[in-house]
Amino acid sequence: MVDQDASFYLMVVVAMSDQEIHEKEATAIKEIADKFKIKFDPYLAAQEISEKFGNYFNRACDYYISIIQNTEVQKDTLEFIKKVTYADSKIHDKEIEIIEKCRKKWGIN
């Protein structure tokens, strides 16, 4: 898996962190994918993540964060995660926790 793919999967993990993907979160992810001309289905990705990690969101989060090594992709991913977080107009503690984990791991203030 490359940085860009991991970035999109991490967005889905953020969307799933409250136990479901809201339509507005999925739409935000699709819009970001469309901007980069990437075919990406957040619902299919959520199914893959669930099959691979079950309800262990921290493991999924750590896995995708560790793959993203490119500094520019890290910065972009952080901004994308924020868009997904705000998409459903509800900010959950787990979403903030993931944002902070990314900042810490990637050394971004």
Protein backbone atom coordinates (compact mmCIF):
# COMPACT_ATOMS: atom_id res chain seq x y z
CA MET A 1 0.00 0.00 0.00
CA VAL A 2 1.29 3.44 -0.90
CA ASP A 3 0.99 6.68 1.03
CA GLN A 4 -1.95 7.96 -0.99
CA ASP A 5 -3.99 4.77 -0.54
CA ALA A 6 -3.26 4.73 3.18
CA SER A 7 -4.38 8.35 3.36
CA PHE A 8 -7.82 7.47 2.01
CA TYR A 9 -8.14 4.43 4.26
CA LEU A 10 -7.19 6.58 7.25
CA MET A 11 -9.97 9.01 6.32
CA VAL A 12 -12.38 6.07 6.38
CA VAL A 13 -11.08 4.98 9.79
CA VAL A 14 -11.81 8.49 11.06
CA ALA A 15 -15.30 8.32 9.59
CA MET A 16 -15.83 4.90 11.20
CA SER A 17 -14.54 5.98 14.61
CA ASP A 18 -18.08 6.65 15.86
CA GLN A 19 -19.11 3.14 14.77
CA GLU A 20 -20.62 4.15 11.40
CA ILE A 21 -19.90 6.15 8.29
CA HIS A 22 -22.34 8.98 7.86
CA GLU A 23 -23.39 9.87 4.35
CA LYS A 24 -21.84 13.34 4.63
CA GLU A 25 -18.51 11.80 5.68
CA ALA A 26 -18.59 9.40 2.72
CA THR A 27 -19.43 12.28 0.40
CA ALA A 28 -16.50 14.32 1.74
CA ILE A 29 -14.13 11.40 1.12
CA LYS A 30 -15.50 10.88 -2.40
CA GLU A 31 -15.08 14.59 -3.18
CA ILE A 32 -11.44 14.45 -2.11
CA ALA A 33 -10.91 11.34 -4.23
CA ASP A 34 -12.59 12.99 -7.22
CA LYS A 35 -10.33 16.02 -6.82
CA PHE A 36 -7.34 13.70 -7.33
CA LYS A 37 -9.14 11.70 -10.05
CA ILE A 38 -9.04 8.56 -7.90
CA LYS A 39 -11.77 5.94 -7.86
CA PHE A 40 -12.38 5.23 -4.19
CA ASP A 41 -15.44 3.78 -2.48
CA PRO A 42 -15.43 4.64 1.24
CA TYR A 43 -18.12 2.05 1.97
CA LEU A 44 -16.08 -0.73 0.36
CA ALA A 45 -12.98 0.50 2.19
CA ALA A 46 -14.93 0.45 5.49
CA GLN A 47 -15.89 -3.16 4.83
CA GLU A 48 -12.25 -4.06 4.11
CA ILE A 49 -11.09 -2.29 7.27
CA SER A 50 -13.73 -4.07 9.36
CA GLU A 51 -12.74 -7.44 7.93
CA LYS A 52 -9.04 -6.80 8.54
CA PHE A 53 -9.18 -5.08 11.94
CA GLY A 54 -12.64 -5.79 13.36
CA ASN A 55 -13.45 -3.15 15.96
CA TYR A 56 -9.79 -2.47 16.70
CA PHE A 57 -9.79 1.08 15.35
CA ASN A 58 -6.56 1.99 17.12
CA ARG A 59 -4.75 -0.80 15.30
CA ALA A 60 -6.23 0.28 11.98
CA CYS A 61 -5.32 3.88 12.70
CA ASP A 62 -1.75 3.03 13.70
CA TYR A 63 -1.35 0.80 10.65
CA TYR A 64 -2.38 3.46 8.13
CA ILE A 65 -0.53 6.27 9.93
CA SER A 66 2.70 4.22 9.82
CA ILE A 67 2.43 3.72 6.05
CA ILE A 68 2.20 7.44 5.26
CA GLN A 69 5.83 8.57 5.15
CA ASN A 70 5.76 11.40 2.61
CA THR A 71 5.65 14.76 4.44
CA GLU A 72 3.34 16.38 1.88
CA VAL A 73 0.93 13.46 1.98
CA GLN A 74 0.98 13.63 5.78
CA LYS A 75 0.06 17.33 5.74
CA ASP A 76 -2.64 16.80 3.12
CA THR A 77 -4.03 13.79 5.00
CA LEU A 78 -4.32 15.82 8.19
CA GLU A 79 -6.32 18.47 6.34
CA PHE A 80 -8.49 15.81 4.69
CA ILE A 81 -9.15 14.16 8.06
CA LYS A 82 -10.33 17.50 9.40
CA LYS A 83 -12.77 17.83 6.48
CA VAL A 84 -14.13 14.37 7.18
CA THR A 85 -14.38 15.14 10.90
CA TYR A 86 -16.42 18.29 10.26
CA ALA A 87 -18.53 16.77 7.45
CA ASP A 88 -21.35 15.45 9.64
CA SER A 89 -21.32 18.55 11.88
CA LYS A 90 -20.52 16.36 14.89
CA ILE A 91 -17.02 16.24 16.28
CA HIS A 92 -16.36 13.08 18.28
CA ASP A 93 -13.61 12.59 20.84
CA LYS A 94 -12.21 9.64 18.87
CA GLU A 95 -11.87 11.81 15.75
CA ILE A 96 -9.92 14.44 17.70
CA GLU A 97 -7.79 11.67 19.21
CA ILE A 98 -6.87 10.43 15.72
CA ILE A 99 -5.98 13.94 14.55
CA GLU A 100 -3.73 14.40 17.58
CA LYS A 101 -2.16 10.97 17.06
CA CYS A 102 -1.31 11.91 13.46
CA ARG A 103 0.18 15.23 14.49
CA LYS A 104 2.32 13.59 17.13
CA LYS A 105 3.50 10.69 14.95
CA TRP A 106 4.26 12.92 11.97
CA GLY A 107 5.66 15.85 13.97
CA ILE A 108 3.11 18.34 12.63
CA ASN A 109 1.98 21.24 14.84
